[in-house]
Amino acid sequence: MADYANLPKDTLQEITKFLSFSDYIKFGAVCSQWYDMAKERHQFFQKQLPWLLFFDNNSPKLFDPSEEKVYQIEIPELQGRRCVSSSHGWLITIDLNVNLNLLNPLSKAQVKLPKLPFDTSNDRSRNHNECFWLATPEERRDQFVYKAVLSTDPCKGNDYIVMVIYYAHFKLAFWRPGDLTWTMINSDFYLEDIIWCSGAFYVVGSSNQVCLVELGMDNKLIKISSQDTFYFQGLEKYLVDFMGDLILVFKDYFYNNENGTEDDSNEGNYDNGYRTGNFILFKLDRKDKKFIELKDINGYILILGSNQAVLIPTIDLVDKTKDNLIFFSDDFMHGSHKYGYIDSGAYNIRDKRITLFPLSKIYNLTKKPIFIDVNHVTLY
């Protein structure tokens, strides 16, 4: 019988160069020696696309879009909590008492965060505060925080920042390890996304204005540019760190009558068949402070949704045939999703074709799915 536990260390190191993420998990479960090697070499396994965390009747599962395989996963820490966002392999979750925490879904490491501050300094805040506390605990949990991102991976140390959009999209707040409270930044416009890019946070608003978040004595938003075309104002917006450049992405929807009823198409009724239809990309010219449309992203893949936007060079992937794609998850915020969270898939930028993931044919997708960048996840 082979003595796998006592294989030479250099042999094990060589093996780790050829492991996919799923192989890495299995590798670390073989024996204590292989576990130690997996812990030491977790950053060396083959790069791959983020996996989609979805919920089948509230049971969490992971979908690998490269191989189209589904894996069962136990995350009891998510009981009663909603996944707000994911960033650097961590989940940002919230419970019924609107307590936030960071959760590594595999190692189960957690970081508890302070309570977010409520603001009653003006009529708009007071009105929202009144409506907020009239809602059910589930509604408060699901609506209070819209997006959250990290400046870097907490596994690398305590030099990171958590930034969140909350309070009906009008508030921005940040927290650093060691802070007793969040620091709040007011906004006079509706906030739609955040990104960490080139050592700073940036946000995009409902009127397509992109602002630098200046952290310091004043903690304020500084407008750097906007995409002024009126058509784009009603579309979903994402910010992407494109190797130090800022990319602004718009997502348009269409109405799919196959999943809705005639009544569903009434204005203001979103319990229907709205589906992703198109993406439009713009790159910020920092010198002229203007956005220039991008027709393709040759050599790269984008991952968009409730996660912090991820850019992956195709050359880093085992499967290099995937290129010029946008993988997206169902992050449509309106309505009750009575047909389930089924609008997740891949968009081909070249031919504008969409291929939805086949999950809804098998599973009852009861909660918002979210991509996790497994290239940052450590099991230990």
Foldseek 3Di string as FASTA:
>chain_A
DDPVLPDDPVVLVVVQLAADLVRLVVQLPPDVSSVVVSQVCVLRHFAAFFWKWFQFPHQTWTARVVVRDIGGADQVVCVQWAFQAAELQWTWIAHLVRWIWIANRFQRDIGTDDHADQDDPDPVSVVLVVVLVVDHSVCNRLAFWHAKYKLHDCVVDQPIKIWTQGSQQFKIWMDGPPDPYIDIEGHPFRWQEWARAPHFIWTAGLQQWIWTQDDDDPRYTHTLAGDRDPVQSPFHWAWDHPVRWIKIKTWDKDFDCVWAPPVCPPPPRPLGRIATQFMWMWTAPNVVRDTDTDLFDFQWEWEDESYRIDIDGLVSHPPSVDGRKYWYFQRDSDDQNPVARFHTFMARSNVRDTDTSPVSVPGRRRGGMHTGRSSSRRND
